[in-house]
Amino acid sequence: MNERAQQAVVQVLNDAIESLGECGMQVAAYHKGEVVVDAVAGIADLGTGREVDHDTPFLVFSCSKGITATLVHCLHEAGLLDYDAPIAQYWPAFARNGKSGITVRDALTHRAGLSEVADVSWLDQWNLADAGRAVEGASTLWEPRSTLVYHPVTFGSILGNIVVRVSGESFASAVDREISQRLGITDLTFGIDPSDVLRASTRAVLVTAGSPGVDTGIAPPSREESDQ
């Protein structure tokens, strides 16, 4: 641990909480495989005052895109998926409403023309199965491959459903088999186990329509939300 760097980062975190409206945060930094910063600050649960600690689960949002893309690459390396094949080859219902020509590569490179699903909020897309059905019924917003526009949520909705269909297992199971087990990672999860809800940051707990659980990627309601 680099004590000077540690103290500097803790100060930045506390300043952000005090002046920028942040609630609670964690920061870890490694240099040549060694931990140089492992800092926490703030509150994980505003309702109870529970503080953030080094093991508090947080929602990472778009950091998950790298994991999703890695799974797609693993399936490609295994000969199960072709980057330039139409997505509909693996997911026939995706072809609805003129989407039959969109390829896996288009989705990976944010050129699928589906940066969002009209009339479906991003919160309503956290369940992978529900998100897949929304994507199936969607029409493109522009001609695929004509331009690059960041796909903030549909990147995972599309590629995650491809992973499920090609691998024949849940997305969480694919992450565990292809990434966690291979690399010896013990704390990488997609979705949150009900037993972890009360130790997670409340910002990591998403409440949407559907069935919560590890396989769906939807967290159950927090204790505070359940009491409302």
C-alpha atoms as a PDB file:
ATOM      1  CA  MET A   1       0.000   0.000   0.000  1.00  0.00           C
ATOM      2  CA  ASN A   2       1.235   3.463  -0.889  1.00  0.00           C
ATOM      3  CA  GLU A   3       0.299   5.495   2.178  1.00  0.00           C
ATOM      4  CA  ARG A   4       0.677   8.866   0.467  1.00  0.00           C
ATOM      5  CA  ALA A   5      -1.577   7.812  -2.427  1.00  0.00           C
ATOM      6  CA  GLN A   6      -4.032   6.211  -0.008  1.00  0.00           C
ATOM      7  CA  GLN A   7      -4.416   9.382   2.034  1.00  0.00           C
ATOM      8  CA  ALA A   8      -4.778  11.524  -1.084  1.00  0.00           C
ATOM      9  CA  VAL A   9      -7.549   9.338  -2.502  1.00  0.00           C
ATOM     10  CA  VAL A  10      -9.413   9.185   0.820  1.00  0.00           C
ATOM     11  CA  GLN A  11      -9.325  12.987   0.896  1.00  0.00           C
ATOM     12  CA  VAL A  12     -10.724  13.198  -2.637  1.00  0.00           C
ATOM     13  CA  LEU A  13     -13.529  10.790  -1.743  1.00  0.00           C
ATOM     14  CA  ASN A  14     -14.449  12.749   1.364  1.00  0.00           C
ATOM     15  CA  ASP A  15     -14.391  16.016  -0.588  1.00  0.00           C
ATOM     16  CA  ALA A  16     -16.706  14.507  -3.208  1.00  0.00           C
ATOM     17  CA  ILE A  17     -19.137  13.396  -0.511  1.00  0.00           C
ATOM     18  CA  GLU A  18     -19.062  16.775   1.194  1.00  0.00           C
ATOM     19  CA  SER A  19     -19.280  19.031  -1.845  1.00  0.00           C
ATOM     20  CA  LEU A  20     -20.507  17.024  -4.846  1.00  0.00           C
ATOM     21  CA  GLY A  21     -23.439  15.130  -3.394  1.00  0.00           C
ATOM     22  CA  GLU A  22     -21.863  11.690  -3.508  1.00  0.00           C
ATOM     23  CA  CYS A  23     -23.076   9.133  -0.974  1.00  0.00           C
ATOM     24  CA  GLY A  24     -20.498   6.397  -0.590  1.00  0.00           C
ATOM     25  CA  MET A  25     -17.587   5.176  -2.695  1.00  0.00           C
ATOM     26  CA  GLN A  26     -14.772   2.676  -3.048  1.00  0.00           C
ATOM     27  CA  VAL A  27     -11.514   3.099  -4.980  1.00  0.00           C
ATOM     28  CA  ALA A  28      -8.824   0.481  -5.557  1.00  0.00           C
ATOM     29  CA  ALA A  29      -5.701   0.909  -7.645  1.00  0.00           C
ATOM     30  CA  TYR A  30      -3.027  -1.591  -8.586  1.00  0.00           C
ATOM     31  CA  HIS A  31       0.504  -1.068  -9.915  1.00  0.00           C
ATOM     32  CA  LYS A  32       2.309  -4.072 -11.373  1.00  0.00           C
ATOM     33  CA  GLY A  33      -0.053  -6.400  -9.573  1.00  0.00           C
ATOM     34  CA  GLU A  34       0.318  -4.762  -6.181  1.00  0.00           C
ATOM     35  CA  VAL A  35      -2.422  -2.850  -4.365  1.00  0.00           C
ATOM     36  CA  VAL A  36      -1.380   0.775  -3.954  1.00  0.00           C
ATOM     37  CA  VAL A  37      -4.778   2.247  -3.013  1.00  0.00           C
ATOM     38  CA  ASP A  38      -7.731   0.584  -1.295  1.00  0.00           C
ATOM     39  CA  ALA A  39      -9.944   3.412  -0.065  1.00  0.00           C
ATOM     40  CA  VAL A  40     -13.545   3.665   1.090  1.00  0.00           C
ATOM     41  CA  ALA A  41     -15.669   6.529   2.321  1.00  0.00           C
ATOM     42  CA  GLY A  42     -19.257   7.460   3.010  1.00  0.00           C
ATOM     43  CA  ILE A  43     -22.553   5.703   3.564  1.00  0.00           C
ATOM     44  CA  ALA A  44     -23.782   2.536   1.856  1.00  0.00           C
ATOM     45  CA  ASP A  45     -27.346   2.778   3.186  1.00  0.00           C
ATOM     46  CA  LEU A  46     -28.758   6.221   3.897  1.00  0.00           C
ATOM     47  CA  GLY A  47     -31.746   4.687   5.659  1.00  0.00           C
ATOM     48  CA  THR A  48     -29.709   2.936   8.326  1.00  0.00           C
ATOM     49  CA  GLY A  49     -26.452   4.894   8.242  1.00  0.00           C
ATOM     50  CA  ARG A  50     -24.481   1.753   7.397  1.00  0.00           C
ATOM     51  CA  GLU A  51     -21.038   2.791   6.198  1.00  0.00           C
ATOM     52  CA  VAL A  52     -19.252   1.629   3.072  1.00  0.00           C
ATOM     53  CA  ASP A  53     -16.588  -0.974   3.748  1.00  0.00           C
ATOM     54  CA  HIS A  54     -14.099  -2.773   1.527  1.00  0.00           C
ATOM     55  CA  ASP A  55     -16.568  -5.591   0.761  1.00  0.00           C
ATOM     56  CA  THR A  56     -19.701  -3.522   0.092  1.00  0.00           C
ATOM     57  CA  PRO A  57     -21.153  -4.611  -3.281  1.00  0.00           C
ATOM     58  CA  PHE A  58     -21.715  -1.722  -5.693  1.00  0.00           C
ATOM     59  CA  LEU A  59     -23.475  -1.568  -9.040  1.00  0.00           C
ATOM     60  CA  VAL A  60     -20.898  -0.953 -11.767  1.00  0.00           C
ATOM     61  CA  PHE A  61     -23.190  -0.118 -14.711  1.00  0.00           C
ATOM     62  CA  SER A  62     -21.267   0.066 -18.006  1.00  0.00           C
ATOM     63  CA  CYS A  63     -18.126  -1.568 -16.620  1.00  0.00           C
ATOM     64  CA  SER A  64     -20.144  -4.721 -17.322  1.00  0.00           C
ATOM     65  CA  LYS A  65     -19.769  -4.130 -21.069  1.00  0.00           C
ATOM     66  CA  GLY A  66     -16.210  -5.448 -20.971  1.00  0.00           C
ATOM     67  CA  ILE A  67     -17.401  -8.667 -19.311  1.00  0.00           C
ATOM     68  CA  THR A  68     -20.213  -9.054 -21.822  1.00  0.00           C
ATOM     69  CA  ALA A  69     -17.874  -8.536 -24.764  1.00  0.00           C
ATOM     70  CA  THR A  70     -15.384 -10.990 -23.263  1.00  0.00           C
ATOM     71  CA  LEU A  71     -18.061 -13.694 -23.174  1.00  0.00           C
ATOM     72  CA  VAL A  72     -18.867 -13.044 -26.840  1.00  0.00           C
ATOM     73  CA  HIS A  73     -15.178 -13.382 -27.700  1.00  0.00           C
ATOM     74  CA  CYS A  74     -14.958 -16.636 -25.711  1.00  0.00           C
ATOM     75  CA  LEU A  75     -17.856 -18.076 -27.709  1.00  0.00           C
ATOM     76  CA  HIS A  76     -16.166 -16.954 -30.924  1.00  0.00           C
ATOM     77  CA  GLU A  77     -12.894 -18.608 -29.927  1.00  0.00           C
ATOM     78  CA  ALA A  78     -14.802 -21.806 -29.167  1.00  0.00           C
ATOM     79  CA  GLY A  79     -16.191 -21.767 -32.716  1.00  0.00           C
ATOM     80  CA  LEU A  80     -19.753 -21.247 -31.524  1.00  0.00           C
ATOM     81  CA  LEU A  81     -20.267 -17.726 -32.826  1.00  0.00           C
ATOM     82  CA  ASP A  82     -19.244 -15.764 -35.923  1.00  0.00           C
ATOM     83  CA  TYR A  83     -18.780 -12.006 -35.534  1.00  0.00           C
ATOM     84  CA  ASP A  84     -20.104 -11.340 -39.031  1.00  0.00           C
ATOM     85  CA  ALA A  85     -23.116 -13.632 -38.820  1.00  0.00           C
ATOM     86  CA  PRO A  86     -26.555 -12.050 -38.491  1.00  0.00           C
ATOM     87  CA  ILE A  87     -27.707 -11.965 -34.895  1.00  0.00           C
ATOM     88  CA  ALA A  88     -30.895 -13.638 -36.085  1.00  0.00           C
ATOM     89  CA  GLN A  89     -28.861 -16.765 -36.889  1.00  0.00           C
ATOM     90  CA  TYR A  90     -28.576 -17.333 -33.146  1.00  0.00           C
ATOM     91  CA  TRP A  91     -31.692 -15.461 -32.070  1.00  0.00           C
ATOM     92  CA  PRO A  92     -34.371 -15.770 -34.815  1.00  0.00           C
ATOM     93  CA  ALA A  93     -36.921 -13.441 -33.191  1.00  0.00           C
ATOM     94  CA  PHE A  94     -34.370 -10.621 -33.296  1.00  0.00           C
ATOM     95  CA  ALA A  95     -34.995 -10.305 -37.042  1.00  0.00           C
ATOM     96  CA  ARG A  96     -38.442  -8.775 -36.548  1.00  0.00           C
ATOM     97  CA  ASN A  97     -39.112  -5.271 -37.870  1.00  0.00           C
ATOM     98  CA  GLY A  98     -36.286  -5.168 -40.376  1.00  0.00           C
ATOM     99  CA  LYS A  99     -33.387  -6.219 -38.142  1.00  0.00           C
ATOM    100  CA  SER A 100     -32.388  -9.385 -40.015  1.00  0.00           C
ATOM    101  CA  GLY A 101     -29.161  -7.889 -41.397  1.00  0.00           C
ATOM    102  CA  ILE A 102     -27.673  -6.682 -38.112  1.00  0.00           C
ATOM    103  CA  THR A 103     -24.581  -8.691 -37.217  1.00  0.00           C
ATOM    104  CA  VAL A 104     -22.873  -9.595 -33.977  1.00  0.00           C
ATOM    105  CA  ARG A 105     -20.025  -7.258 -34.960  1.00  0.00           C
ATOM    106  CA  ASP A 106     -22.512  -4.402 -35.381  1.00  0.00           C
ATOM    107  CA  ALA A 107     -23.682  -4.901 -31.800  1.00  0.00           C
ATOM    108  CA  LEU A 108     -20.124  -5.148 -30.462  1.00  0.00           C
ATOM    109  CA  THR A 109     -19.098  -1.913 -32.186  1.00  0.00           C
ATOM    110  CA  HIS A 110     -22.196   0.140 -31.300  1.00  0.00           C
ATOM    111  CA  ARG A 111     -23.311   0.250 -34.942  1.00  0.00           C
ATOM    112  CA  ALA A 112     -26.533  -1.743 -34.658  1.00  0.00           C
ATOM    113  CA  GLY A 113     -28.818   1.299 -34.913  1.00  0.00           C
ATOM    114  CA  LEU A 114     -30.512   0.339 -31.631  1.00  0.00           C
ATOM    115  CA  SER A 115     -29.034   2.675 -29.061  1.00  0.00           C
ATOM    116  CA  GLU A 116     -32.343   2.576 -27.228  1.00  0.00           C
ATOM    117  CA  VAL A 117     -35.722   0.903 -27.425  1.00  0.00           C
ATOM    118  CA  ALA A 118     -38.490   3.416 -28.047  1.00  0.00           C
ATOM    119  CA  ASP A 119     -41.038   3.784 -25.237  1.00  0.00           C
ATOM    120  CA  VAL A 120     -39.116   1.425 -22.939  1.00  0.00           C
ATOM    121  CA  SER A 121     -37.261   3.001 -20.021  1.00  0.00           C
ATOM    122  CA  TRP A 122     -33.761   1.852 -19.186  1.00  0.00           C
ATOM    123  CA  LEU A 123     -34.993   0.608 -15.788  1.00  0.00           C
ATOM    124  CA  ASP A 124     -37.466  -1.672 -17.540  1.00  0.00           C
ATOM    125  CA  GLN A 125     -34.579  -3.381 -19.319  1.00  0.00           C
ATOM    126  CA  TRP A 126     -32.654  -4.759 -16.325  1.00  0.00           C
ATOM    127  CA  ASN A 127     -34.214  -8.198 -16.654  1.00  0.00           C
ATOM    128  CA  LEU A 128     -32.345  -9.802 -19.541  1.00  0.00           C
ATOM    129  CA  ALA A 129     -35.314 -11.838 -20.770  1.00  0.00           C
ATOM    130  CA  ASP A 130     -37.660  -8.837 -20.666  1.00  0.00           C
ATOM    131  CA  ALA A 131     -35.038  -6.695 -22.370  1.00  0.00           C
ATOM    132  CA  GLY A 132     -34.710  -9.323 -25.095  1.00  0.00           C
ATOM    133  CA  ARG A 133     -38.422  -9.257 -25.790  1.00  0.00           C
ATOM    134  CA  ALA A 134     -38.330  -5.457 -26.003  1.00  0.00           C
ATOM    135  CA  VAL A 135     -35.444  -5.604 -28.470  1.00  0.00           C
ATOM    136  CA  GLU A 136     -37.240  -8.203 -30.595  1.00  0.00           C
ATOM    137  CA  GLY A 137     -40.157  -5.824 -31.110  1.00  0.00           C
ATOM    138  CA  ALA A 138     -38.004  -2.754 -31.687  1.00  0.00           C
ATOM    139  CA  SER A 139     -37.150  -1.064 -34.962  1.00  0.00           C
ATOM    140  CA  THR A 140     -33.773   0.480 -35.701  1.00  0.00           C
ATOM    141  CA  LEU A 141     -33.349   4.216 -35.164  1.00  0.00           C
ATOM    142  CA  TRP A 142     -31.029   4.574 -38.164  1.00  0.00           C
ATOM    143  CA  GLU A 143     -29.448   2.379 -40.806  1.00  0.00           C
ATOM    144  CA  PRO A 144     -27.153  -0.158 -39.121  1.00  0.00           C
ATOM    145  CA  ARG A 145     -23.436   0.402 -39.814  1.00  0.00           C
ATOM    146  CA  SER A 146     -24.074   3.910 -41.133  1.00  0.00           C
ATOM    147  CA  THR A 147     -22.716   5.536 -37.987  1.00  0.00           C
ATOM    148  CA  LEU A 148     -21.462   4.764 -34.507  1.00  0.00           C
ATOM    149  CA  VAL A 149     -23.647   5.756 -31.561  1.00  0.00           C
ATOM    150  CA  TYR A 150     -23.056   4.489 -28.037  1.00  0.00           C
ATOM    151  CA  HIS A 151     -25.587   1.810 -27.011  1.00  0.00           C
ATOM    152  CA  PRO A 152     -25.733   2.424 -23.226  1.00  0.00           C
ATOM    153  CA  VAL A 153     -28.156  -0.338 -22.230  1.00  0.00           C
ATOM    154  CA  THR A 154     -29.019  -2.222 -25.409  1.00  0.00           C
ATOM    155  CA  PHE A 155     -25.370  -3.297 -25.800  1.00  0.00           C
ATOM    156  CA  GLY A 156     -25.983  -5.667 -22.899  1.00  0.00           C
ATOM    157  CA  SER A 157     -29.560  -6.452 -23.874  1.00  0.00           C
ATOM    158  CA  ILE A 158     -28.512  -7.653 -27.323  1.00  0.00           C
ATOM    159  CA  LEU A 159     -25.180  -9.321 -26.612  1.00  0.00           C
ATOM    160  CA  GLY A 160     -26.350 -10.774 -23.310  1.00  0.00           C
ATOM    161  CA  ASN A 161     -29.232 -12.505 -25.038  1.00  0.00           C
ATOM    162  CA  ILE A 162     -26.884 -13.819 -27.723  1.00  0.00           C
ATOM    163  CA  VAL A 163     -24.651 -15.285 -24.999  1.00  0.00           C
ATOM    164  CA  VAL A 164     -27.631 -17.001 -23.359  1.00  0.00           C
ATOM    165  CA  ARG A 165     -28.838 -18.494 -26.629  1.00  0.00           C
ATOM    166  CA  VAL A 166     -25.447 -19.634 -27.904  1.00  0.00           C
ATOM    167  CA  SER A 167     -24.132 -20.974 -24.583  1.00  0.00           C
ATOM    168  CA  GLY A 168     -27.402 -22.594 -23.522  1.00  0.00           C
ATOM    169  CA  GLU A 169     -27.028 -21.311 -19.962  1.00  0.00           C
ATOM    170  CA  SER A 170     -27.886 -18.235 -17.939  1.00  0.00           C
ATOM    171  CA  PHE A 171     -25.697 -15.182 -18.349  1.00  0.00           C
ATOM    172  CA  ALA A 172     -24.549 -15.429 -14.732  1.00  0.00           C
ATOM    173  CA  SER A 173     -23.531 -19.061 -15.258  1.00  0.00           C
ATOM    174  CA  ALA A 174     -21.620 -18.157 -18.415  1.00  0.00           C
ATOM    175  CA  VAL A 175     -19.718 -15.452 -16.520  1.00  0.00           C
ATOM    176  CA  ASP A 176     -18.852 -17.927 -13.791  1.00  0.00           C
ATOM    177  CA  ARG A 177     -17.706 -20.673 -16.171  1.00  0.00           C
ATOM    178  CA  GLU A 178     -15.856 -18.615 -18.760  1.00  0.00           C
ATOM    179  CA  ILE A 179     -14.361 -15.889 -16.589  1.00  0.00           C
ATOM    180  CA  SER A 180     -14.553 -16.406 -12.828  1.00  0.00           C
ATOM    181  CA  GLN A 181     -13.504 -20.061 -12.789  1.00  0.00           C
ATOM    182  CA  ARG A 182     -10.763 -19.587 -15.369  1.00  0.00           C
ATOM    183  CA  LEU A 183      -9.236 -16.616 -13.556  1.00  0.00           C
ATOM    184  CA  GLY A 184      -9.931 -17.666  -9.987  1.00  0.00           C
ATOM    185  CA  ILE A 185     -12.222 -14.692  -9.348  1.00  0.00           C
ATOM    186  CA  THR A 186     -14.523 -15.168  -6.356  1.00  0.00           C
ATOM    187  CA  ASP A 187     -16.466 -11.913  -6.199  1.00  0.00           C
ATOM    188  CA  LEU A 188     -17.681 -11.193  -9.740  1.00  0.00           C
ATOM    189  CA  THR A 189     -21.455 -11.501 -10.024  1.00  0.00           C
ATOM    190  CA  PHE A 190     -24.191 -10.489 -12.443  1.00  0.00           C
ATOM    191  CA  GLY A 191     -27.339  -9.960 -10.454  1.00  0.00           C
ATOM    192  CA  ILE A 192     -27.266  -9.974  -6.677  1.00  0.00           C
ATOM    193  CA  ASP A 193     -27.965 -12.873  -4.380  1.00  0.00           C
ATOM    194  CA  PRO A 194     -30.795 -12.114  -1.910  1.00  0.00           C
ATOM    195  CA  SER A 195     -28.400 -12.858   0.946  1.00  0.00           C
ATOM    196  CA  ASP A 196     -26.202  -9.959  -0.187  1.00  0.00           C
ATOM    197  CA  VAL A 197     -28.899  -7.298  -0.443  1.00  0.00           C
ATOM    198  CA  LEU A 198     -28.554  -5.975   3.090  1.00  0.00           C
ATOM    199  CA  ARG A 199     -24.782  -5.508   2.777  1.00  0.00           C
ATOM    200  CA  ALA A 200     -24.892  -3.882  -0.663  1.00  0.00           C
ATOM    201  CA  SER A 201     -24.970  -0.211  -1.441  1.00  0.00           C
ATOM    202  CA  THR A 202     -28.612   0.783  -1.756  1.00  0.00           C
ATOM    203  CA  ARG A 203     -27.698   2.246  -5.140  1.00  0.00           C
ATOM    204  CA  ALA A 204     -26.905  -1.298  -6.237  1.00  0.00           C
ATOM    205  CA  VAL A 205     -30.447  -2.486  -5.548  1.00  0.00           C
ATOM    206  CA  LEU A 206     -32.708  -2.143  -8.578  1.00  0.00           C
ATOM    207  CA  VAL A 207     -36.430  -2.714  -8.368  1.00  0.00           C
ATOM    208  CA  THR A 208     -38.151  -3.526 -11.634  1.00  0.00           C
ATOM    209  CA  ALA A 209     -41.051  -5.618 -12.785  1.00  0.00           C
ATOM    210  CA  GLY A 210     -40.140  -9.267 -12.984  1.00  0.00           C
ATOM    211  CA  SER A 211     -38.644 -11.997 -10.866  1.00  0.00           C
ATOM    212  CA  PRO A 212     -35.528 -11.012  -8.894  1.00  0.00           C
ATOM    213  CA  GLY A 213     -32.594 -13.326  -8.594  1.00  0.00           C
ATOM    214  CA  VAL A 214     -29.069 -14.098  -9.668  1.00  0.00           C
ATOM    215  CA  ASP A 215     -30.108 -15.587 -13.001  1.00  0.00           C
ATOM    216  CA  THR A 216     -32.302 -12.665 -14.041  1.00  0.00           C
ATOM    217  CA  GLY A 217     -29.883  -9.938 -13.048  1.00  0.00           C
ATOM    218  CA  ILE A 218     -32.540  -8.130 -11.000  1.00  0.00           C
ATOM    219  CA  ALA A 219     -32.004  -7.435  -7.327  1.00  0.00           C
ATOM    220  CA  PRO A 220     -34.817  -7.961  -4.834  1.00  0.00           C
ATOM    221  CA  PRO A 221     -36.172  -4.844  -3.077  1.00  0.00           C
ATOM    222  CA  SER A 222     -34.045  -3.457  -0.294  1.00  0.00           C
ATOM    223  CA  ARG A 223     -35.322  -3.584   3.280  1.00  0.00           C
ATOM    224  CA  GLU A 224     -36.186   0.118   3.094  1.00  0.00           C
ATOM    225  CA  GLU A 225     -38.107  -0.301  -0.158  1.00  0.00           C
ATOM    226  CA  SER A 226     -39.971  -3.365   1.134  1.00  0.00           C
ATOM    227  CA  ASP A 227     -41.324  -1.332   4.038  1.00  0.00           C
ATOM    228  CA  GLN A 228     -42.920   1.283   1.791  1.00  0.00           C
END
